[in-house]
Amino acid sequence: MADLSDSSDSSDSSDSDRALDAFDPWDPGFVDDPYPAYAELRARGRVHYFEPTNQWLVPRHADVSALLRDRRLGRTYQHRFTHEDFGRTAPPAEHEPFHVLNDHGMLDLEPPDHTRIRRLVSKAFTPRTVEGLRPYVHKLANELVAGLVADGGGDLLTAVAEPLPVAVIAEMLGIPESDRAPLRPWSADICGMYELNPSEETAAKAVRASVEFTEYLRELIAIRRKEPGDDLISGLIVAYEEGDRLTEQEMISTCVLLLNAGHEATVNATVNGWWALFRNPDQLAALRADRGLLSTAVEELMRYDTPLQLFERWVLDEIEIDGTVIPRGSEVAMLFGSANHDPAVFDRPERLDLARAENPHISFSAGIHYCIGAPLARIELAASMGALLDRAPTLRLAAEPERKPNFVIRGLRELLVEL
């Protein structure tokens, strides 16, 4: 693990203040292009205190990578401390349905609970299982692209980017096709709570979606208990009934986590990637001429415009970064988007280079919370991109897209294309 305190590149408070002037996650201009502000943060220090969210921002790749593996930090603190012990205030009682759902998923748990649940879920994401999904993913991607082509174009987001990963993870879980329509709205409302300082309106939507999503999955689990199938929910029920210490709430929270990841990360990676390609026509032309670039292109597009820009950790035991002591009870915000553009790691990071061979991006996180679905996401991204290259070789942008106002989860409202 890197020594976080050892650096000759120390920054003073005035440098940090100047850098923070450019960091405004609620400003549409910043959301549209945060990368110049990230460059300022990296240039002026390794850690910056951001008062509006009471967080310590970490912008450099080496520090982010080390902290993701540092067990002095955690996604939760409640396995060791009460809210009072940790100097925090408990969430409002009216938000409880969201927190019950969120806090029992493995992404927001620490060992031993995280280890126990991840071991069970990982059985559905073995290399053999994921590879077995490849024909289904490619078939579905080609069908979706064929529909877009038949229409002469349309919204790439709703025609291809959304339905592919949603269908794949819903199929894995065993959610009937007739029940899938509300999944995406539920996920969108829940994920609103992952933005910085969410409003009460956002919280109310997340609570309502959490209640409805939980009720639906509870009913589906009851059905699968009576009529098991060859799906992940049925497999988790078997583990539960065999005494593998998986509660029904953990089962529900795990299913929601997997669906949300499919809905948000892969969907946004797809549209962010194509928007980047349209803005870099030389790279799009190179990819159209050489499909051998597809695997490195997926990695580069994930790096270039990262779908998850920020990931938070609680400081469980005091740490030090570049001479700055960050006490227990603090929250650290690791800037994935900034780390993926760090010139100390990536040659000319502002340039989209689909042939980039050395690409240690951290878009899938690292450490014990490394994305369990990363191999499946790579297959989905390559399948949809390959199908579009093959079936829509003259695809072009039809209108300038508009960014969603979100900062943490980075995506587009729509991506209109034509042939």
Protein backbone atom coordinates (compact mmCIF):
# COMPACT_ATOMS: atom_id res chain seq x y z
CA MET A 1 0.00 0.00 0.00
CA ALA A 2 1.28 3.48 -0.79
CA ASP A 3 2.54 5.62 2.06
CA LEU A 4 -0.03 8.39 2.01
CA SER A 5 2.06 10.70 4.16
CA ASP A 6 5.26 10.58 2.11
CA SER A 7 5.39 13.31 -0.50
CA SER A 8 7.56 16.25 -1.39
CA ASP A 9 4.65 17.88 -3.25
CA SER A 10 2.87 19.53 -0.36
CA SER A 11 0.21 22.18 -0.99
CA ASP A 12 -0.69 25.09 1.24
CA SER A 13 -4.21 26.24 2.10
CA SER A 14 -4.18 29.09 -0.41
CA ASP A 15 -3.41 26.66 -3.24
CA SER A 16 -6.26 24.44 -2.08
CA ASP A 17 -8.65 27.39 -1.85
CA ARG A 18 -7.86 28.46 -5.41
CA ALA A 19 -8.39 24.95 -6.67
CA LEU A 20 -11.72 24.64 -4.87
CA ASP A 21 -12.99 27.80 -6.55
CA ALA A 22 -13.33 25.75 -9.74
CA PHE A 23 -14.97 22.74 -8.06
CA ASP A 24 -18.74 23.32 -8.07
CA PRO A 25 -20.72 20.08 -8.46
CA TRP A 26 -24.02 21.99 -8.67
CA ASP A 27 -22.93 24.26 -11.54
CA PRO A 28 -24.14 23.08 -15.00
CA GLY A 29 -20.90 24.23 -16.60
CA PHE A 30 -18.82 22.19 -14.19
CA VAL A 31 -21.08 19.14 -14.63
CA ASP A 32 -20.74 19.46 -18.39
CA ASP A 33 -16.93 19.34 -18.18
CA PRO A 34 -15.39 18.81 -14.73
CA TYR A 35 -11.97 17.78 -16.02
CA PRO A 36 -10.27 21.24 -16.06
CA ALA A 37 -11.30 21.70 -12.42
CA TYR A 38 -9.88 18.29 -11.59
CA ALA A 39 -6.57 19.35 -13.14
CA GLU A 40 -6.52 22.34 -10.79
CA LEU A 41 -7.19 20.12 -7.79
CA ARG A 42 -4.42 17.69 -8.73
CA ALA A 43 -1.95 20.49 -9.43
CA ARG A 44 -2.59 22.24 -6.12
CA GLY A 45 -2.55 19.34 -3.70
CA ARG A 46 -3.28 15.74 -2.85
CA VAL A 47 -6.22 16.43 -0.56
CA HIS A 48 -8.65 19.34 -0.21
CA TYR A 49 -11.35 20.00 2.37
CA PHE A 50 -14.67 20.86 0.67
CA GLU A 51 -16.85 22.66 3.19
CA PRO A 52 -20.22 22.50 1.35
CA THR A 53 -20.31 18.71 1.73
CA ASN A 54 -17.96 18.38 4.72
CA GLN A 55 -15.74 16.03 2.75
CA TRP A 56 -12.06 15.62 1.95
CA LEU A 57 -11.55 15.48 -1.83
CA VAL A 58 -8.80 13.19 -3.12
CA PRO A 59 -8.00 13.86 -6.81
CA ARG A 60 -4.80 11.93 -7.64
CA HIS A 61 -4.71 8.37 -8.98
CA ALA A 62 -2.08 6.99 -6.58
CA ASP A 63 -3.95 8.22 -3.52
CA VAL A 64 -7.37 7.08 -4.73
CA SER A 65 -6.00 3.66 -5.62
CA ALA A 66 -4.33 3.29 -2.22
CA LEU A 67 -7.35 4.49 -0.25
CA LEU A 68 -9.70 2.07 -2.01
CA ARG A 69 -7.57 -0.72 -0.51
CA ASP A 70 -6.99 0.90 2.88
CA ARG A 71 -8.89 -0.91 5.66
CA ARG A 72 -8.74 2.19 7.84
CA LEU A 73 -11.59 3.43 5.65
CA GLY A 74 -14.98 1.85 5.11
CA ARG A 75 -18.24 2.23 3.24
CA THR A 76 -19.99 2.15 6.60
CA TYR A 77 -18.98 2.75 10.19
CA GLN A 78 -21.94 1.11 11.90
CA HIS A 79 -20.15 -2.25 12.20
CA ARG A 80 -17.83 -0.52 14.70
CA PHE A 81 -19.48 2.65 15.93
CA THR A 82 -22.87 4.12 16.72
CA HIS A 83 -23.80 7.40 15.07
CA GLU A 84 -23.04 9.17 18.36
CA ASP A 85 -19.66 7.43 18.77
CA PHE A 86 -18.73 8.52 15.29
CA GLY A 87 -19.81 12.12 15.80
CA ARG A 88 -22.64 11.80 13.28
CA THR A 89 -26.37 12.40 13.38
CA ALA A 90 -28.68 9.52 12.53
CA PRO A 91 -30.65 9.94 9.26
CA PRO A 92 -34.19 11.32 9.61
CA ALA A 93 -36.76 8.68 10.54
CA GLU A 94 -38.76 9.38 7.37
CA HIS A 95 -35.74 8.28 5.28
CA GLU A 96 -35.58 4.87 6.98
CA PRO A 97 -36.93 2.76 4.05
CA PHE A 98 -34.12 4.01 1.82
CA HIS A 99 -31.41 3.39 4.42
CA VAL A 100 -32.70 -0.07 5.32
CA LEU A 101 -32.59 -1.02 1.64
CA ASN A 102 -29.24 0.66 0.94
CA ASP A 103 -27.40 -0.33 4.11
CA HIS A 104 -28.01 -4.09 3.70
CA GLY A 105 -26.45 -4.30 0.23
CA MET A 106 -22.87 -5.55 0.03
CA LEU A 107 -21.61 -2.26 -1.44
CA ASP A 108 -22.37 -0.51 1.85
CA LEU A 109 -21.25 -3.29 4.17
CA GLU A 110 -17.84 -4.16 5.58
CA PRO A 111 -16.45 -7.54 6.63
CA PRO A 112 -17.60 -9.94 7.91
CA ASP A 113 -21.07 -9.20 6.44
CA HIS A 114 -19.66 -7.99 3.14
CA THR A 115 -17.50 -11.10 2.79
CA ARG A 116 -20.41 -13.44 3.52
CA ILE A 117 -22.80 -11.85 1.00
CA ARG A 118 -20.22 -11.32 -1.73
CA ARG A 119 -19.18 -14.98 -1.51
CA LEU A 120 -22.78 -16.03 -2.21
CA VAL A 121 -23.40 -13.54 -5.01
CA SER A 122 -20.06 -14.24 -6.67
CA LYS A 123 -21.33 -17.73 -7.55
CA ALA A 124 -23.53 -16.03 -10.16
CA PHE A 125 -20.57 -14.08 -11.59
CA THR A 126 -17.97 -16.80 -12.06
CA PRO A 127 -15.97 -16.53 -15.30
CA ARG A 128 -17.80 -19.58 -16.68
CA THR A 129 -21.25 -18.17 -15.83
CA VAL A 130 -20.48 -14.74 -17.26
CA GLU A 131 -18.94 -16.23 -20.40
CA GLY A 132 -22.08 -18.36 -20.78
CA LEU A 133 -24.11 -15.16 -21.03
CA ARG A 134 -22.10 -13.87 -24.00
CA PRO A 135 -24.33 -15.41 -26.75
CA TYR A 136 -27.50 -14.03 -25.09
CA VAL A 137 -25.93 -10.57 -24.70
CA HIS A 138 -24.77 -10.47 -28.34
CA LYS A 139 -28.14 -11.71 -29.62
CA LEU A 140 -30.02 -9.07 -27.64
CA ALA A 141 -27.59 -6.30 -28.64
CA ASN A 142 -28.03 -7.15 -32.34
CA GLU A 143 -31.83 -7.20 -31.98
CA LEU A 144 -31.88 -3.81 -30.28
CA VAL A 145 -29.55 -2.24 -32.85
CA ALA A 146 -31.61 -3.76 -35.68
CA GLY A 147 -34.65 -1.97 -34.26
CA LEU A 148 -32.76 1.33 -34.13
CA VAL A 149 -31.63 0.87 -37.74
CA ALA A 150 -35.16 -0.02 -38.89
CA ASP A 151 -36.37 3.24 -37.39
CA GLY A 152 -33.65 5.21 -39.17
CA GLY A 153 -32.18 6.30 -35.86
CA GLY A 154 -33.61 7.60 -32.59
CA ASP A 155 -32.47 7.88 -28.99
CA LEU A 156 -29.49 5.60 -28.46
CA LEU A 157 -30.11 5.79 -24.71
CA THR A 158 -33.62 4.32 -24.73
CA ALA A 159 -33.21 2.14 -27.83
CA VAL A 160 -29.99 0.32 -26.93
CA ALA A 161 -28.07 1.59 -23.89
CA GLU A 162 -30.87 1.10 -21.35
CA PRO A 163 -32.67 -2.08 -22.43
CA LEU A 164 -29.55 -4.22 -22.88
CA PRO A 165 -28.04 -4.24 -19.35
CA VAL A 166 -31.47 -4.02 -17.73
CA ALA A 167 -32.67 -7.12 -19.60
CA VAL A 168 -29.47 -9.04 -18.86
CA ILE A 169 -29.46 -8.47 -15.08
CA ALA A 170 -33.24 -8.94 -14.86
CA GLU A 171 -32.85 -12.23 -16.72
CA MET A 172 -30.12 -13.31 -14.30
CA LEU A 173 -32.31 -12.47 -11.32
CA GLY A 174 -35.38 -14.13 -12.81
CA ILE A 175 -37.58 -11.02 -13.05
CA PRO A 176 -40.34 -11.64 -15.62
CA GLU A 177 -40.23 -9.43 -18.70
CA SER A 178 -43.75 -8.16 -17.95
CA ASP A 179 -42.53 -6.78 -14.59
CA ARG A 180 -39.50 -4.83 -15.82
CA ALA A 181 -41.01 -1.45 -16.76
CA PRO A 182 -40.81 0.13 -13.28
CA LEU A 183 -37.27 -1.12 -12.58
CA ARG A 184 -35.48 1.75 -14.32
CA PRO A 185 -37.56 4.55 -12.68
CA TRP A 186 -37.12 2.93 -9.26
CA SER A 187 -33.36 2.75 -9.76
CA ALA A 188 -33.12 6.34 -10.98
CA ASP A 189 -35.02 7.63 -7.94
CA ILE A 190 -32.94 5.58 -5.49
CA CYS A 191 -29.65 6.62 -7.08
CA GLY A 192 -30.59 10.27 -6.67
CA MET A 193 -29.58 9.86 -3.03
CA TYR A 194 -25.98 9.21 -4.06
CA GLU A 195 -25.57 12.78 -5.28
CA LEU A 196 -23.97 15.40 -3.03
CA ASN A 197 -26.38 17.00 -0.53
CA PRO A 198 -29.60 15.55 -2.04
CA SER A 199 -32.76 17.62 -1.58
CA GLU A 200 -35.80 16.57 0.45
CA GLU A 201 -37.69 16.07 -2.82
CA THR A 202 -34.95 13.68 -3.98
CA ALA A 203 -35.09 11.87 -0.63
CA ALA A 204 -38.89 11.54 -0.81
CA LYS A 205 -38.64 9.97 -4.30
CA ALA A 206 -35.94 7.59 -3.10
CA VAL A 207 -37.99 6.53 -0.09
CA ARG A 208 -41.08 5.88 -2.22
CA ALA A 209 -39.04 3.89 -4.76
CA SER A 210 -37.37 1.92 -1.95
CA VAL A 211 -40.73 0.93 -0.51
CA GLU A 212 -42.17 -0.10 -3.88
CA PHE A 213 -39.03 -1.92 -5.01
CA THR A 214 -38.83 -3.79 -1.69
CA GLU A 215 -42.50 -4.79 -1.80
CA TYR A 216 -42.14 -6.09 -5.35
CA LEU A 217 -39.05 -8.16 -4.58
CA ARG A 218 -40.56 -9.53 -1.38
CA GLU A 219 -43.52 -10.80 -3.40
CA LEU A 220 -41.23 -12.23 -6.09
CA ILE A 221 -39.12 -14.03 -3.47
CA ALA A 222 -42.30 -15.57 -2.05
CA ILE A 223 -43.22 -16.83 -5.54
CA ARG A 224 -39.72 -18.23 -6.13
CA ARG A 225 -39.88 -20.09 -2.82
CA LYS A 226 -42.90 -21.98 -4.15
CA GLU A 227 -41.75 -22.12 -7.78
CA PRO A 228 -37.92 -22.00 -7.92
CA GLY A 229 -36.18 -21.43 -11.22
CA ASP A 230 -32.68 -21.35 -12.64
CA ASP A 231 -31.99 -17.78 -11.54
CA LEU A 232 -30.05 -15.82 -8.92
CA ILE A 233 -33.03 -15.11 -6.64
CA SER A 234 -33.83 -18.83 -6.47
CA GLY A 235 -30.16 -19.52 -5.75
CA LEU A 236 -30.10 -17.01 -2.91
CA ILE A 237 -33.27 -18.56 -1.46
CA VAL A 238 -31.56 -21.96 -1.43
CA ALA A 239 -28.57 -20.43 0.38
CA TYR A 240 -30.95 -18.83 2.89
CA GLU A 241 -32.84 -22.08 3.52
CA GLU A 242 -29.61 -24.04 3.87
CA GLY A 243 -28.60 -21.79 6.73
CA ASP A 244 -26.00 -19.72 4.87
CA ARG A 245 -26.90 -16.75 7.07
CA LEU A 246 -28.44 -14.59 4.34
CA THR A 247 -31.44 -12.60 5.56
CA GLU A 248 -34.37 -11.75 3.33
CA GLN A 249 -33.52 -8.04 3.62
CA GLU A 250 -29.95 -8.76 2.46
CA MET A 251 -31.39 -10.73 -0.45
CA ILE A 252 -33.64 -7.81 -1.43
CA SER A 253 -30.89 -5.22 -1.03
CA THR A 254 -28.48 -7.32 -3.10
CA CYS A 255 -30.99 -7.64 -5.95
CA VAL A 256 -31.59 -3.88 -5.94
CA LEU A 257 -27.85 -3.19 -5.91
CA LEU A 258 -27.28 -5.44 -8.94
CA LEU A 259 -30.19 -3.87 -10.83
CA ASN A 260 -29.07 -0.34 -9.99
CA ALA A 261 -25.54 -1.08 -11.17
CA GLY A 262 -26.86 -2.41 -14.47
CA HIS A 263 -29.23 0.50 -14.87
CA GLU A 264 -26.80 3.29 -14.07
CA ALA A 265 -23.16 2.32 -14.63
CA THR A 266 -23.42 0.37 -17.89
CA VAL A 267 -26.13 2.59 -19.38
CA ASN A 268 -24.13 5.75 -18.72
CA ALA A 269 -20.87 4.18 -19.86
CA THR A 270 -22.56 3.40 -23.20
CA VAL A 271 -23.92 6.88 -23.92
CA ASN A 272 -20.89 8.68 -22.48
CA GLY A 273 -18.72 6.49 -24.70
CA TRP A 274 -20.62 7.17 -27.88
CA TRP A 275 -20.78 10.89 -27.16
CA ALA A 276 -16.98 10.82 -26.76
CA LEU A 277 -16.62 8.97 -30.08
CA PHE A 278 -18.79 11.49 -31.91
CA ARG A 279 -16.62 14.28 -30.49
CA ASN A 280 -13.46 12.47 -31.65
CA PRO A 281 -14.25 11.42 -35.23
CA ASP A 282 -10.67 10.29 -35.92
CA GLN A 283 -10.95 7.70 -33.15
CA LEU A 284 -14.39 6.59 -34.33
CA ALA A 285 -13.01 6.17 -37.85
CA ALA A 286 -10.10 4.12 -36.48
CA LEU A 287 -12.50 1.84 -34.60
CA ARG A 288 -14.70 1.38 -37.66
CA ALA A 289 -11.62 0.41 -39.66
CA ASP A 290 -10.18 -1.97 -37.06
CA ARG A 291 -12.49 -3.97 -34.78
CA GLY A 292 -9.39 -5.30 -33.08
CA LEU A 293 -9.46 -2.04 -31.11
CA LEU A 294 -12.77 -2.96 -29.47
CA SER A 295 -11.39 -4.35 -26.20
CA THR A 296 -9.02 -1.45 -25.55
CA ALA A 297 -11.72 0.98 -26.73
CA VAL A 298 -14.09 -0.20 -23.98
CA GLU A 299 -11.41 0.42 -21.33
CA GLU A 300 -10.46 3.80 -22.75
CA LEU A 301 -14.05 5.03 -22.98
CA MET A 302 -14.63 3.97 -19.35
CA ARG A 303 -11.55 6.00 -18.40
CA TYR A 304 -12.15 9.01 -20.59
CA ASP A 305 -15.61 9.94 -19.30
CA THR A 306 -16.15 7.94 -16.13
CA PRO A 307 -19.79 7.07 -15.33
CA LEU A 308 -19.14 7.18 -11.56
CA GLN A 309 -17.20 10.36 -10.80
CA LEU A 310 -16.97 10.18 -7.03
CA PHE A 311 -16.93 7.39 -4.44
CA GLU A 312 -17.12 7.97 -0.69
CA ARG A 313 -15.46 6.31 2.28
CA TRP A 314 -15.70 6.90 6.04
CA VAL A 315 -12.48 7.32 8.00
CA LEU A 316 -12.63 4.59 10.67
CA ASP A 317 -9.12 5.24 11.98
CA GLU A 318 -7.15 8.45 11.55
CA ILE A 319 -5.15 8.73 8.33
CA GLU A 320 -2.62 11.22 7.02
CA ILE A 321 -2.27 12.43 3.45
CA ASP A 322 0.64 14.66 2.53
CA GLY A 323 0.95 16.00 6.07
CA THR A 324 -2.79 16.58 6.47
CA VAL A 325 -4.31 14.56 9.31
CA ILE A 326 -7.84 13.39 8.51
CA PRO A 327 -9.49 12.34 11.78
CA ARG A 328 -11.81 9.44 12.47
CA GLY A 329 -15.40 10.36 11.61
CA SER A 330 -14.46 12.28 8.47
CA GLU A 331 -15.71 11.44 5.01
CA VAL A 332 -13.31 11.07 2.09
CA ALA A 333 -14.55 11.64 -1.48
CA MET A 334 -12.35 9.89 -3.99
CA LEU A 335 -12.61 11.56 -7.39
CA PHE A 336 -12.60 8.70 -9.89
CA GLY A 337 -12.99 11.05 -12.84
CA SER A 338 -9.95 13.04 -11.75
CA ALA A 339 -7.85 9.96 -11.00
CA ASN A 340 -8.60 8.63 -14.48
CA HIS A 341 -7.16 11.83 -15.97
CA ASP A 342 -4.01 11.98 -13.85
CA PRO A 343 -1.00 12.71 -16.12
CA ALA A 344 1.25 10.97 -13.60
CA VAL A 345 -0.37 7.70 -14.72
CA PHE A 346 -1.85 8.34 -18.19
CA ASP A 347 0.07 9.83 -21.10
CA ARG A 348 -1.87 12.80 -22.48
CA PRO A 349 -4.98 11.89 -20.43
CA GLU A 350 -7.14 14.56 -22.07
CA ARG A 351 -6.77 12.75 -25.40
CA LEU A 352 -9.11 9.90 -26.30
CA ASP A 353 -6.84 7.07 -27.47
CA LEU A 354 -8.71 3.86 -28.22
CA ALA A 355 -5.42 2.00 -28.70
CA ARG A 356 -4.17 2.94 -25.22
CA ALA A 357 -2.49 -0.25 -24.01
CA GLU A 358 -1.57 0.73 -20.44
CA ASN A 359 -4.86 1.75 -18.88
CA PRO A 360 -5.10 1.19 -15.11
CA HIS A 361 -8.35 3.15 -14.78
CA ILE A 362 -10.34 2.76 -11.58
CA SER A 363 -13.84 3.09 -13.03
CA PHE A 364 -14.75 -0.29 -11.50
CA SER A 365 -13.24 0.70 -8.12
CA ALA A 366 -10.67 -1.50 -6.35
CA GLY A 367 -10.11 -3.47 -3.18
CA ILE A 368 -12.88 -5.50 -1.56
CA HIS A 369 -15.56 -3.36 -3.23
CA TYR A 370 -14.27 -3.88 -6.77
CA CYS A 371 -17.31 -4.15 -9.06
CA ILE A 372 -18.46 -7.78 -9.06
CA GLY A 373 -20.20 -7.24 -12.41
CA ALA A 374 -17.20 -5.71 -14.22
CA PRO A 375 -16.62 -8.73 -16.54
CA LEU A 376 -20.31 -8.73 -17.52
CA ALA A 377 -20.29 -4.95 -18.06
CA ARG A 378 -17.32 -5.31 -20.40
CA ILE A 379 -19.15 -7.95 -22.44
CA GLU A 380 -22.27 -5.75 -22.65
CA LEU A 381 -20.32 -2.65 -23.69
CA ALA A 382 -18.36 -4.54 -26.35
CA ALA A 383 -21.52 -6.26 -27.64
CA SER A 384 -23.56 -3.09 -28.07
CA MET A 385 -20.63 -1.18 -29.56
CA GLY A 386 -19.82 -4.02 -31.97
CA ALA A 387 -23.44 -4.34 -33.06
CA LEU A 388 -23.67 -0.60 -33.74
CA LEU A 389 -20.42 -0.63 -35.70
CA ASP A 390 -21.58 -3.60 -37.79
CA ARG A 391 -25.23 -2.74 -38.35
CA ALA A 392 -25.10 1.06 -38.32
CA PRO A 393 -21.73 1.96 -39.92
CA THR A 394 -23.02 5.42 -40.91
CA LEU A 395 -24.35 6.27 -37.44
CA ARG A 396 -23.93 9.94 -36.60
CA LEU A 397 -25.10 12.46 -34.05
CA ALA A 398 -28.50 14.02 -34.81
CA ALA A 399 -28.55 16.68 -32.08
CA GLU A 400 -26.27 18.01 -29.37
CA PRO A 401 -27.06 16.00 -26.23
CA GLU A 402 -27.90 17.48 -22.86
CA ARG A 403 -26.19 16.28 -19.72
CA LYS A 404 -28.16 15.11 -16.73
CA PRO A 405 -27.70 17.61 -13.88
CA ASN A 406 -26.11 14.91 -11.71
CA PHE A 407 -22.42 15.08 -10.86
CA VAL A 408 -21.68 11.80 -9.06
CA ILE A 409 -23.45 9.54 -11.57
CA ARG A 410 -22.51 11.04 -14.92
CA GLY A 411 -24.77 10.53 -17.91
CA LEU A 412 -26.94 12.09 -20.63
CA ARG A 413 -30.67 12.76 -20.79
CA GLU A 414 -30.71 11.37 -24.34
CA LEU A 415 -28.39 10.75 -27.28
CA LEU A 416 -30.21 11.30 -30.58
CA VAL A 417 -28.60 9.60 -33.58
CA GLU A 418 -29.39 9.08 -37.24
CA LEU A 419 -28.06 6.98 -40.11
